[in-house]
Amino acid sequence: MNWGIFVLKFLLIVMVAIIVIVVVLLVYASTRPDRFRIERSVRSDAPASQIYPHLMDFHAWRAWSPYERRDPHMSRVYGGAEKGVGATYAWEGNSNVGSGSMEILEANEPSRLVIDLNFTAPMKARNIAIFTLAPEENGTRVTWAMEGEANLVAKTMQIFMVMDKMVGPDFETGLATLKSEVEER
């Protein structure tokens, strides 16, 4: 038996198997939804008018955003309007927070805030973050959502990583901190 031919045949079979697996994964990924949405909410005893200022002013995010605590040395640049529509916030941090920028696109006080969210590292992505505040009996339901398009790369990654399980707990932590922050006042 010629070991060289055996090794070449084995390597050819392995390469064909890898190609088939990659093609199957890409075909499966292409059937996944073209958009995603991650959403969490919390009920607060505070009225929306008391909560909204903590959302529409990026300076106030340092008190409640879970991402602010992940890198104490993160650089931040605020720009545009002081708060509300046109306010901007850019960050650059360690691998736990990456880098990117946000801009408030819509501010319907005290019920809705829409933010253009651009990640530049560790991966490039452009999403929309939406905060809604809805009255509930003796309080407010605060919902934090992020939505965007899922290209083929994102769809393929979602086969192995569930974005909702990665980002959802951060939203829960942030909303719980926001709730504590506004109810203590």
N, C-alpha and C. Protein backbone atom coordinates (compact mmCIF):
# COMPACT_ATOMS: atom_id res chain seq x y z
N MET A 1 0.85 -1.19 0.00
CA MET A 1 0.00 0.00 0.00
C MET A 1 0.89 1.24 0.00
N ASN A 2 0.55 2.18 -0.85
CA ASN A 2 1.30 3.43 -0.95
C ASN A 2 0.69 4.43 0.04
N TRP A 3 1.44 4.75 1.11
CA TRP A 3 0.94 5.66 2.16
C TRP A 3 0.71 7.07 1.64
N GLY A 4 1.49 7.51 0.69
CA GLY A 4 1.32 8.84 0.13
C GLY A 4 -0.04 9.01 -0.53
N ILE A 5 -0.46 8.01 -1.32
CA ILE A 5 -1.77 8.06 -1.98
C ILE A 5 -2.88 7.97 -0.94
N PHE A 6 -2.69 7.11 0.07
CA PHE A 6 -3.68 6.98 1.14
C PHE A 6 -3.88 8.32 1.87
N VAL A 7 -2.79 8.98 2.20
CA VAL A 7 -2.87 10.27 2.90
C VAL A 7 -3.56 11.31 2.02
N LEU A 8 -3.22 11.34 0.73
CA LEU A 8 -3.86 12.29 -0.18
C LEU A 8 -5.36 12.05 -0.29
N LYS A 9 -5.75 10.78 -0.40
CA LYS A 9 -7.19 10.46 -0.46
C LYS A 9 -7.89 10.86 0.83
N PHE A 10 -7.25 10.58 1.96
CA PHE A 10 -7.83 10.95 3.25
C PHE A 10 -8.01 12.46 3.35
N LEU A 11 -6.96 13.22 2.96
CA LEU A 11 -7.05 14.68 3.01
C LEU A 11 -8.13 15.21 2.06
N LEU A 12 -8.26 14.59 0.90
CA LEU A 12 -9.30 14.99 -0.05
C LEU A 12 -10.69 14.76 0.53
N ILE A 13 -10.88 13.62 1.18
CA ILE A 13 -12.17 13.32 1.82
C ILE A 13 -12.47 14.33 2.92
N VAL A 14 -11.46 14.65 3.73
CA VAL A 14 -11.63 15.63 4.81
C VAL A 14 -11.98 16.99 4.22
N MET A 15 -11.28 17.42 3.18
CA MET A 15 -11.57 18.73 2.56
C MET A 15 -12.98 18.76 1.98
N VAL A 16 -13.40 17.70 1.32
CA VAL A 16 -14.75 17.65 0.76
C VAL A 16 -15.77 17.70 1.88
N ALA A 17 -15.52 16.97 2.96
CA ALA A 17 -16.45 16.98 4.10
C ALA A 17 -16.56 18.38 4.70
N ILE A 18 -15.43 19.08 4.83
CA ILE A 18 -15.45 20.45 5.38
C ILE A 18 -16.24 21.37 4.46
N ILE A 19 -16.02 21.26 3.18
CA ILE A 19 -16.74 22.10 2.21
C ILE A 19 -18.24 21.82 2.28
N VAL A 20 -18.63 20.56 2.37
CA VAL A 20 -20.05 20.20 2.47
C VAL A 20 -20.65 20.78 3.75
N ILE A 21 -19.93 20.68 4.86
CA ILE A 21 -20.43 21.22 6.13
C ILE A 21 -20.61 22.73 6.02
N VAL A 22 -19.64 23.43 5.45
CA VAL A 22 -19.72 24.89 5.30
C VAL A 22 -20.91 25.26 4.41
N VAL A 23 -21.08 24.56 3.31
CA VAL A 23 -22.20 24.85 2.40
C VAL A 23 -23.53 24.62 3.11
N VAL A 24 -23.65 23.51 3.84
CA VAL A 24 -24.89 23.21 4.57
C VAL A 24 -25.16 24.31 5.60
N LEU A 25 -24.13 24.74 6.34
CA LEU A 25 -24.32 25.81 7.33
C LEU A 25 -24.76 27.11 6.66
N LEU A 26 -24.14 27.45 5.54
CA LEU A 26 -24.51 28.70 4.84
C LEU A 26 -25.93 28.62 4.28
N VAL A 27 -26.30 27.48 3.75
CA VAL A 27 -27.67 27.31 3.25
C VAL A 27 -28.66 27.43 4.40
N TYR A 28 -28.37 26.75 5.52
CA TYR A 28 -29.25 26.84 6.68
C TYR A 28 -29.31 28.28 7.20
N ALA A 29 -28.15 28.95 7.30
CA ALA A 29 -28.12 30.33 7.79
C ALA A 29 -28.95 31.25 6.90
N SER A 30 -28.92 31.01 5.60
CA SER A 30 -29.67 31.88 4.69
C SER A 30 -31.18 31.76 4.88
N THR A 31 -31.64 30.71 5.55
CA THR A 31 -33.08 30.56 5.80
C THR A 31 -33.51 31.26 7.08
N ARG A 32 -32.57 31.74 7.87
CA ARG A 32 -32.88 32.42 9.13
C ARG A 32 -33.49 33.79 8.85
N PRO A 33 -34.19 34.38 9.83
CA PRO A 33 -34.82 35.69 9.61
C PRO A 33 -33.82 36.78 9.23
N ASP A 34 -34.28 37.72 8.41
CA ASP A 34 -33.43 38.82 7.94
C ASP A 34 -33.29 39.94 8.98
N ARG A 35 -34.11 39.90 10.01
CA ARG A 35 -34.06 40.92 11.06
C ARG A 35 -34.04 40.24 12.41
N PHE A 36 -33.54 40.96 13.41
CA PHE A 36 -33.56 40.44 14.77
C PHE A 36 -34.09 41.52 15.71
N ARG A 37 -34.56 41.10 16.85
CA ARG A 37 -35.01 42.02 17.90
C ARG A 37 -34.76 41.37 19.25
N ILE A 38 -34.13 42.13 20.12
CA ILE A 38 -33.88 41.71 21.49
C ILE A 38 -34.61 42.72 22.36
N GLU A 39 -35.36 42.24 23.33
CA GLU A 39 -36.19 43.16 24.12
C GLU A 39 -36.31 42.66 25.56
N ARG A 40 -36.22 43.61 26.49
CA ARG A 40 -36.46 43.33 27.90
C ARG A 40 -37.23 44.51 28.47
N SER A 41 -37.99 44.24 29.54
CA SER A 41 -38.71 45.34 30.17
C SER A 41 -38.75 45.14 31.68
N VAL A 42 -39.04 46.22 32.36
CA VAL A 42 -39.16 46.21 33.81
C VAL A 42 -40.26 47.19 34.20
N ARG A 43 -40.93 46.90 35.29
CA ARG A 43 -41.94 47.82 35.82
C ARG A 43 -41.29 48.64 36.92
N SER A 44 -41.48 49.94 36.86
CA SER A 44 -40.95 50.85 37.88
C SER A 44 -42.09 51.58 38.55
N ASP A 45 -41.91 51.88 39.81
CA ASP A 45 -42.90 52.67 40.54
C ASP A 45 -42.83 54.15 40.15
N ALA A 46 -41.75 54.55 39.49
CA ALA A 46 -41.56 55.96 39.13
C ALA A 46 -42.39 56.30 37.89
N PRO A 47 -42.84 57.54 37.80
CA PRO A 47 -43.56 57.96 36.58
C PRO A 47 -42.58 58.12 35.42
N ALA A 48 -43.09 58.02 34.21
CA ALA A 48 -42.26 58.14 33.01
C ALA A 48 -41.50 59.47 32.99
N SER A 49 -42.12 60.53 33.48
CA SER A 49 -41.47 61.84 33.47
C SER A 49 -40.21 61.86 34.34
N GLN A 50 -40.13 60.97 35.30
CA GLN A 50 -38.96 60.87 36.17
C GLN A 50 -37.89 59.95 35.58
N ILE A 51 -38.30 59.01 34.76
CA ILE A 51 -37.37 58.04 34.15
C ILE A 51 -36.74 58.60 32.88
N TYR A 52 -37.54 59.26 32.07
CA TYR A 52 -37.11 59.70 30.74
C TYR A 52 -35.81 60.51 30.73
N PRO A 53 -35.60 61.44 31.67
CA PRO A 53 -34.35 62.20 31.66
C PRO A 53 -33.10 61.33 31.76
N HIS A 54 -33.20 60.17 32.37
CA HIS A 54 -32.06 59.26 32.50
C HIS A 54 -31.73 58.56 31.18
N LEU A 55 -32.68 58.58 30.26
CA LEU A 55 -32.49 57.95 28.97
C LEU A 55 -32.04 58.94 27.91
N MET A 56 -32.64 60.14 27.91
CA MET A 56 -32.39 61.09 26.82
C MET A 56 -31.10 61.89 26.98
N ASP A 57 -30.41 61.71 28.10
CA ASP A 57 -29.15 62.41 28.35
C ASP A 57 -28.04 61.35 28.49
N PHE A 58 -27.18 61.23 27.48
CA PHE A 58 -26.13 60.21 27.51
C PHE A 58 -25.21 60.35 28.72
N HIS A 59 -25.07 61.56 29.25
CA HIS A 59 -24.24 61.74 30.46
C HIS A 59 -24.82 60.94 31.63
N ALA A 60 -26.14 60.80 31.67
CA ALA A 60 -26.80 60.09 32.78
C ALA A 60 -26.64 58.57 32.66
N TRP A 61 -26.24 58.07 31.52
CA TRP A 61 -26.12 56.63 31.32
C TRP A 61 -25.04 56.02 32.21
N ARG A 62 -24.07 56.82 32.63
CA ARG A 62 -22.99 56.29 33.47
C ARG A 62 -23.54 55.73 34.78
N ALA A 63 -24.70 56.22 35.21
CA ALA A 63 -25.29 55.75 36.47
C ALA A 63 -26.02 54.42 36.35
N TRP A 64 -26.44 54.03 35.14
CA TRP A 64 -27.26 52.83 35.04
C TRP A 64 -26.88 51.84 33.93
N SER A 65 -26.20 52.28 32.89
CA SER A 65 -25.90 51.39 31.77
C SER A 65 -24.92 50.29 32.18
N PRO A 66 -25.24 49.03 31.90
CA PRO A 66 -24.34 47.94 32.28
C PRO A 66 -23.00 47.99 31.55
N TYR A 67 -22.96 48.63 30.41
CA TYR A 67 -21.73 48.69 29.63
C TYR A 67 -20.73 49.69 30.21
N GLU A 68 -21.23 50.65 30.95
CA GLU A 68 -20.34 51.65 31.57
C GLU A 68 -19.43 51.03 32.62
N ARG A 69 -19.88 49.97 33.27
CA ARG A 69 -19.11 49.34 34.35
C ARG A 69 -18.08 48.32 33.84
N ARG A 70 -18.20 47.93 32.61
CA ARG A 70 -17.32 46.88 32.08
C ARG A 70 -15.90 47.34 31.79
N ASP A 71 -15.73 48.63 31.60
CA ASP A 71 -14.39 49.16 31.35
C ASP A 71 -14.28 50.53 32.01
N PRO A 72 -13.72 50.57 33.22
CA PRO A 72 -13.61 51.85 33.93
C PRO A 72 -12.72 52.87 33.21
N HIS A 73 -11.88 52.41 32.28
CA HIS A 73 -10.97 53.30 31.57
C HIS A 73 -11.48 53.64 30.16
N MET A 74 -12.72 53.28 29.87
CA MET A 74 -13.31 53.53 28.56
C MET A 74 -13.29 55.03 28.26
N SER A 75 -12.93 55.39 27.03
CA SER A 75 -12.99 56.80 26.65
C SER A 75 -14.37 57.09 26.07
N ARG A 76 -14.87 58.28 26.40
CA ARG A 76 -16.20 58.70 25.97
C ARG A 76 -16.10 60.09 25.36
N VAL A 77 -16.85 60.29 24.29
CA VAL A 77 -16.91 61.61 23.67
C VAL A 77 -18.39 61.93 23.45
N TYR A 78 -18.83 63.03 24.06
CA TYR A 78 -20.20 63.49 23.90
C TYR A 78 -20.20 64.61 22.87
N GLY A 79 -21.25 64.66 22.05
CA GLY A 79 -21.30 65.72 21.06
C GLY A 79 -22.74 66.04 20.67
N GLY A 80 -22.87 66.89 19.68
CA GLY A 80 -24.19 67.28 19.21
C GLY A 80 -24.95 68.03 20.28
N ALA A 81 -26.25 67.82 20.30
CA ALA A 81 -27.10 68.46 21.31
C ALA A 81 -26.73 67.96 22.70
N GLU A 82 -27.01 68.75 23.71
CA GLU A 82 -26.73 68.35 25.10
C GLU A 82 -27.49 67.08 25.48
N LYS A 83 -28.74 67.00 25.01
CA LYS A 83 -29.58 65.82 25.26
C LYS A 83 -30.71 65.82 24.24
N GLY A 84 -31.38 64.70 24.12
CA GLY A 84 -32.48 64.60 23.16
C GLY A 84 -31.97 64.44 21.73
N VAL A 85 -32.85 64.74 20.76
CA VAL A 85 -32.52 64.56 19.35
C VAL A 85 -31.22 65.29 19.00
N GLY A 86 -30.33 64.54 18.35
CA GLY A 86 -29.05 65.11 17.94
C GLY A 86 -27.92 64.89 18.92
N ALA A 87 -28.22 64.45 20.13
CA ALA A 87 -27.16 64.16 21.10
C ALA A 87 -26.39 62.93 20.62
N THR A 88 -25.06 62.99 20.74
CA THR A 88 -24.24 61.87 20.32
C THR A 88 -23.33 61.43 21.46
N TYR A 89 -22.91 60.19 21.35
CA TYR A 89 -22.03 59.58 22.35
C TYR A 89 -21.17 58.56 21.61
N ALA A 90 -19.87 58.68 21.72
CA ALA A 90 -18.96 57.70 21.12
C ALA A 90 -18.11 57.12 22.24
N TRP A 91 -17.78 55.86 22.12
CA TRP A 91 -16.96 55.21 23.14
C TRP A 91 -15.90 54.35 22.48
N GLU A 92 -14.84 54.15 23.23
CA GLU A 92 -13.78 53.24 22.82
C GLU A 92 -13.27 52.59 24.09
N GLY A 93 -13.35 51.27 24.12
CA GLY A 93 -12.97 50.58 25.33
C GLY A 93 -12.29 49.26 25.08
N ASN A 94 -12.23 48.47 26.13
CA ASN A 94 -11.58 47.17 26.04
C ASN A 94 -12.45 46.17 25.27
N SER A 95 -12.05 44.92 25.28
CA SER A 95 -12.79 43.90 24.52
C SER A 95 -14.18 43.64 25.09
N ASN A 96 -14.44 44.06 26.32
CA ASN A 96 -15.76 43.88 26.92
C ASN A 96 -16.80 44.87 26.40
N VAL A 97 -16.33 46.02 25.92
CA VAL A 97 -17.27 47.04 25.45
C VAL A 97 -17.05 47.42 23.99
N GLY A 98 -15.88 47.14 23.45
CA GLY A 98 -15.61 47.48 22.06
C GLY A 98 -15.62 48.98 21.83
N SER A 99 -16.04 49.36 20.64
CA SER A 99 -16.12 50.78 20.32
C SER A 99 -17.29 51.02 19.38
N GLY A 100 -17.74 52.27 19.37
CA GLY A 100 -18.86 52.62 18.52
C GLY A 100 -19.40 53.99 18.85
N SER A 101 -20.59 54.25 18.37
CA SER A 101 -21.22 55.55 18.61
C SER A 101 -22.74 55.41 18.60
N MET A 102 -23.38 56.39 19.22
CA MET A 102 -24.85 56.44 19.27
C MET A 102 -25.29 57.87 18.98
N GLU A 103 -26.47 57.98 18.40
CA GLU A 103 -27.09 59.29 18.20
C GLU A 103 -28.58 59.15 18.42
N ILE A 104 -29.13 60.07 19.20
CA ILE A 104 -30.57 60.06 19.43
C ILE A 104 -31.27 60.61 18.19
N LEU A 105 -32.11 59.76 17.61
CA LEU A 105 -32.83 60.12 16.38
C LEU A 105 -34.23 60.65 16.66
N GLU A 106 -34.83 60.14 17.71
CA GLU A 106 -36.23 60.48 18.02
C GLU A 106 -36.39 60.55 19.53
N ALA A 107 -37.00 61.61 20.01
CA ALA A 107 -37.24 61.78 21.44
C ALA A 107 -38.66 62.29 21.64
N ASN A 108 -39.55 61.37 21.92
CA ASN A 108 -40.95 61.72 22.18
C ASN A 108 -41.18 61.62 23.68
N GLU A 109 -40.82 62.69 24.38
CA GLU A 109 -40.90 62.70 25.84
C GLU A 109 -42.34 62.65 26.31
N PRO A 110 -42.69 61.85 27.26
CA PRO A 110 -41.86 60.92 28.03
C PRO A 110 -42.08 59.46 27.65
N SER A 111 -42.40 59.16 26.39
CA SER A 111 -42.82 57.80 26.08
C SER A 111 -41.90 56.99 25.16
N ARG A 112 -41.02 57.65 24.39
CA ARG A 112 -40.25 56.88 23.40
C ARG A 112 -38.94 57.60 23.07
N LEU A 113 -37.89 56.80 22.91
CA LEU A 113 -36.58 57.31 22.54
C LEU A 113 -35.98 56.32 21.54
N VAL A 114 -35.50 56.82 20.39
CA VAL A 114 -34.92 55.96 19.36
C VAL A 114 -33.48 56.40 19.14
N ILE A 115 -32.57 55.42 19.14
CA ILE A 115 -31.14 55.70 19.04
C ILE A 115 -30.53 54.91 17.89
N ASP A 116 -29.77 55.61 17.05
CA ASP A 116 -28.97 54.97 16.01
C ASP A 116 -27.70 54.46 16.69
N LEU A 117 -27.46 53.16 16.62
CA LEU A 117 -26.38 52.51 17.36
C LEU A 117 -25.41 51.88 16.37
N ASN A 118 -24.18 52.38 16.35
CA ASN A 118 -23.17 51.89 15.41
C ASN A 118 -22.00 51.29 16.18
N PHE A 119 -21.79 50.00 15.98
CA PHE A 119 -20.64 49.33 16.57
C PHE A 119 -19.53 49.29 15.54
N THR A 120 -18.30 49.61 15.96
CA THR A 120 -17.16 49.53 15.05
C THR A 120 -16.19 48.42 15.46
N ALA A 121 -16.23 47.99 16.70
CA ALA A 121 -15.40 46.88 17.17
C ALA A 121 -16.10 46.23 18.35
N PRO A 122 -16.01 44.97 18.57
CA PRO A 122 -15.17 44.02 17.86
C PRO A 122 -15.70 43.66 16.47
N MET A 123 -16.96 43.95 16.20
CA MET A 123 -17.52 43.72 14.87
C MET A 123 -18.28 44.97 14.45
N LYS A 124 -18.36 45.19 13.16
CA LYS A 124 -19.15 46.31 12.66
C LYS A 124 -20.61 45.88 12.59
N ALA A 125 -21.47 46.75 13.09
CA ALA A 125 -22.91 46.50 13.02
C ALA A 125 -23.62 47.83 13.22
N ARG A 126 -24.78 47.94 12.60
CA ARG A 126 -25.60 49.14 12.78
C ARG A 126 -26.99 48.67 13.18
N ASN A 127 -27.42 49.11 14.35
CA ASN A 127 -28.72 48.71 14.89
C ASN A 127 -29.46 49.93 15.39
N ILE A 128 -30.68 49.69 15.80
CA ILE A 128 -31.51 50.73 16.41
C ILE A 128 -31.84 50.27 17.83
N ALA A 129 -31.67 51.17 18.78
CA ALA A 129 -32.10 50.91 20.16
C ALA A 129 -33.35 51.74 20.39
N ILE A 130 -34.34 51.13 21.03
CA ILE A 130 -35.61 51.81 21.26
C ILE A 130 -35.99 51.64 22.73
N PHE A 131 -36.25 52.75 23.38
CA PHE A 131 -36.77 52.73 24.74
C PHE A 131 -38.21 53.21 24.68
N THR A 132 -39.11 52.44 25.28
CA THR A 132 -40.50 52.87 25.39
C THR A 132 -40.90 52.87 26.85
N LEU A 133 -41.69 53.86 27.20
CA LEU A 133 -42.19 54.00 28.57
C LEU A 133 -43.70 54.06 28.49
N ALA A 134 -44.35 53.07 29.08
CA ALA A 134 -45.80 52.98 29.01
C ALA A 134 -46.37 53.01 30.42
N PRO A 135 -47.41 53.81 30.63
CA PRO A 135 -48.01 53.86 31.97
C PRO A 135 -48.61 52.51 32.35
N GLU A 136 -48.39 52.14 33.60
CA GLU A 136 -49.04 50.97 34.20
C GLU A 136 -49.60 51.44 35.53
N GLU A 137 -50.46 50.64 36.08
CA GLU A 137 -51.05 51.03 37.35
C GLU A 137 -49.97 51.39 38.37
N ASN A 138 -50.01 52.63 38.84
CA ASN A 138 -49.05 53.15 39.83
C ASN A 138 -47.60 53.03 39.39
N GLY A 139 -47.33 53.17 38.10
CA GLY A 139 -45.95 53.09 37.66
C GLY A 139 -45.79 53.16 36.16
N THR A 140 -44.65 52.66 35.70
CA THR A 140 -44.30 52.73 34.29
C THR A 140 -43.63 51.42 33.86
N ARG A 141 -43.98 50.95 32.69
CA ARG A 141 -43.30 49.80 32.08
C ARG A 141 -42.23 50.38 31.16
N VAL A 142 -40.96 50.09 31.46
CA VAL A 142 -39.83 50.57 30.66
C VAL A 142 -39.33 49.39 29.83
N THR A 143 -39.29 49.57 28.52
CA THR A 143 -38.83 48.52 27.62
C THR A 143 -37.60 49.01 26.86
N TRP A 144 -36.58 48.16 26.84
CA TRP A 144 -35.34 48.44 26.12
C TRP A 144 -35.24 47.38 25.02
N ALA A 145 -35.20 47.82 23.78
CA ALA A 145 -35.12 46.89 22.65
C ALA A 145 -33.97 47.30 21.72
N MET A 146 -33.43 46.32 21.04
CA MET A 146 -32.45 46.57 19.99
C MET A 146 -32.86 45.72 18.80
N GLU A 147 -32.87 46.34 17.64
CA GLU A 147 -33.25 45.60 16.44
C GLU A 147 -32.37 46.02 15.28
N GLY A 148 -32.31 45.15 14.30
CA GLY A 148 -31.50 45.44 13.14
C GLY A 148 -31.58 44.34 12.10
N GLU A 149 -30.83 44.55 11.05
CA GLU A 149 -30.79 43.57 9.97
C GLU A 149 -29.76 42.51 10.30
N ALA A 150 -30.04 41.30 9.85
CA ALA A 150 -29.10 40.20 10.02
C ALA A 150 -28.61 39.77 8.65
N ASN A 151 -27.36 40.12 8.33
CA ASN A 151 -26.79 39.69 7.06
C ASN A 151 -26.35 38.23 7.18
N LEU A 152 -25.79 37.67 6.14
CA LEU A 152 -25.43 36.25 6.15
C LEU A 152 -24.39 35.93 7.22
N VAL A 153 -23.45 36.83 7.44
CA VAL A 153 -22.45 36.60 8.48
C VAL A 153 -23.14 36.55 9.85
N ALA A 154 -24.03 37.49 10.13
CA ALA A 154 -24.74 37.50 11.40
C ALA A 154 -25.62 36.27 11.56
N LYS A 155 -26.29 35.89 10.49
CA LYS A 155 -27.15 34.70 10.55
C LYS A 155 -26.32 33.45 10.84
N THR A 156 -25.14 33.36 10.23
CA THR A 156 -24.27 32.21 10.47
C THR A 156 -23.79 32.20 11.92
N MET A 157 -23.41 33.37 12.44
CA MET A 157 -22.97 33.45 13.83
C MET A 157 -24.10 33.05 14.78
N GLN A 158 -25.34 33.42 14.43
CA GLN A 158 -26.47 33.11 15.30
C GLN A 158 -26.77 31.62 15.37
N ILE A 159 -26.20 30.83 14.48
CA ILE A 159 -26.34 29.37 14.59
C ILE A 159 -25.61 28.89 15.84
N PHE A 160 -24.49 29.54 16.15
CA PHE A 160 -23.64 29.11 17.25
C PHE A 160 -23.82 29.95 18.52
N MET A 161 -24.28 31.19 18.37
CA MET A 161 -24.46 32.09 19.51
C MET A 161 -25.87 32.66 19.47
N VAL A 162 -26.55 32.61 20.56
CA VAL A 162 -27.90 33.16 20.63
C VAL A 162 -27.78 34.60 21.14
N MET A 163 -28.00 35.55 20.24
CA MET A 163 -27.84 36.97 20.59
C MET A 163 -28.72 37.36 21.77
N ASP A 164 -29.94 36.82 21.80
CA ASP A 164 -30.85 37.18 22.89
C ASP A 164 -30.27 36.79 24.24
N LYS A 165 -29.59 35.67 24.30
CA LYS A 165 -28.99 35.22 25.56
C LYS A 165 -27.71 35.97 25.87
N MET A 166 -27.07 36.53 24.85
CA MET A 166 -25.85 37.31 25.08
C MET A 166 -26.17 38.73 25.53
N VAL A 167 -27.15 39.36 24.88
CA VAL A 167 -27.44 40.77 25.13
C VAL A 167 -28.58 40.95 26.14
N GLY A 168 -29.55 40.05 26.12
CA GLY A 168 -30.71 40.18 27.00
C GLY A 168 -30.36 40.37 28.47
N PRO A 169 -29.45 39.58 29.04
CA PRO A 169 -29.09 39.79 30.45
C PRO A 169 -28.50 41.18 30.72
N ASP A 170 -27.78 41.74 29.75
CA ASP A 170 -27.26 43.10 29.92
C ASP A 170 -28.41 44.10 30.01
N PHE A 171 -29.42 43.93 29.16
CA PHE A 171 -30.59 44.80 29.21
C PHE A 171 -31.29 44.67 30.55
N GLU A 172 -31.42 43.44 31.04
CA GLU A 172 -32.07 43.22 32.34
C GLU A 172 -31.30 43.92 33.45
N THR A 173 -29.98 43.79 33.44
CA THR A 173 -29.15 44.45 34.46
C THR A 173 -29.30 45.96 34.38
N GLY A 174 -29.24 46.50 33.17
CA GLY A 174 -29.37 47.95 33.00
C GLY A 174 -30.72 48.46 33.45
N LEU A 175 -31.77 47.75 33.10
CA LEU A 175 -33.12 48.17 33.50
C LEU A 175 -33.30 48.08 35.01
N ALA A 176 -32.73 47.06 35.63
CA ALA A 176 -32.83 46.93 37.10
C ALA A 176 -32.09 48.08 37.78
N THR A 177 -30.93 48.44 37.24
CA THR A 177 -30.16 49.55 37.80
C THR A 177 -30.90 50.87 37.58
N LEU A 178 -31.47 51.05 36.40
CA LEU A 178 -32.25 52.25 36.11
C LEU A 178 -33.44 52.34 37.07
N LYS A 179 -34.12 51.24 37.27
CA LYS A 179 -35.27 51.20 38.20
C LYS A 179 -34.84 51.65 39.60
N SER A 180 -33.72 51.10 40.08
CA SER A 180 -33.22 51.50 41.41
C SER A 180 -32.87 52.97 41.44
N GLU A 181 -32.23 53.43 40.39
CA GLU A 181 -31.79 54.82 40.32
C GLU A 181 -32.98 55.77 40.39
N VAL A 182 -34.04 55.51 39.63
CA VAL A 182 -35.17 56.45 39.60
C VAL A 182 -36.10 56.31 40.81
N GLU A 183 -36.14 55.12 41.38
CA GLU A 183 -37.03 54.94 42.54
C GLU A 183 -36.41 55.45 43.84
N GLU A 184 -35.09 55.62 43.87
CA GLU A 184 -34.43 56.15 45.07
C GLU A 184 -34.62 57.64 45.19
N ARG A 185 -34.95 58.30 44.09
CA ARG A 185 -35.05 59.78 44.11
C ARG A 185 -36.37 60.24 44.64
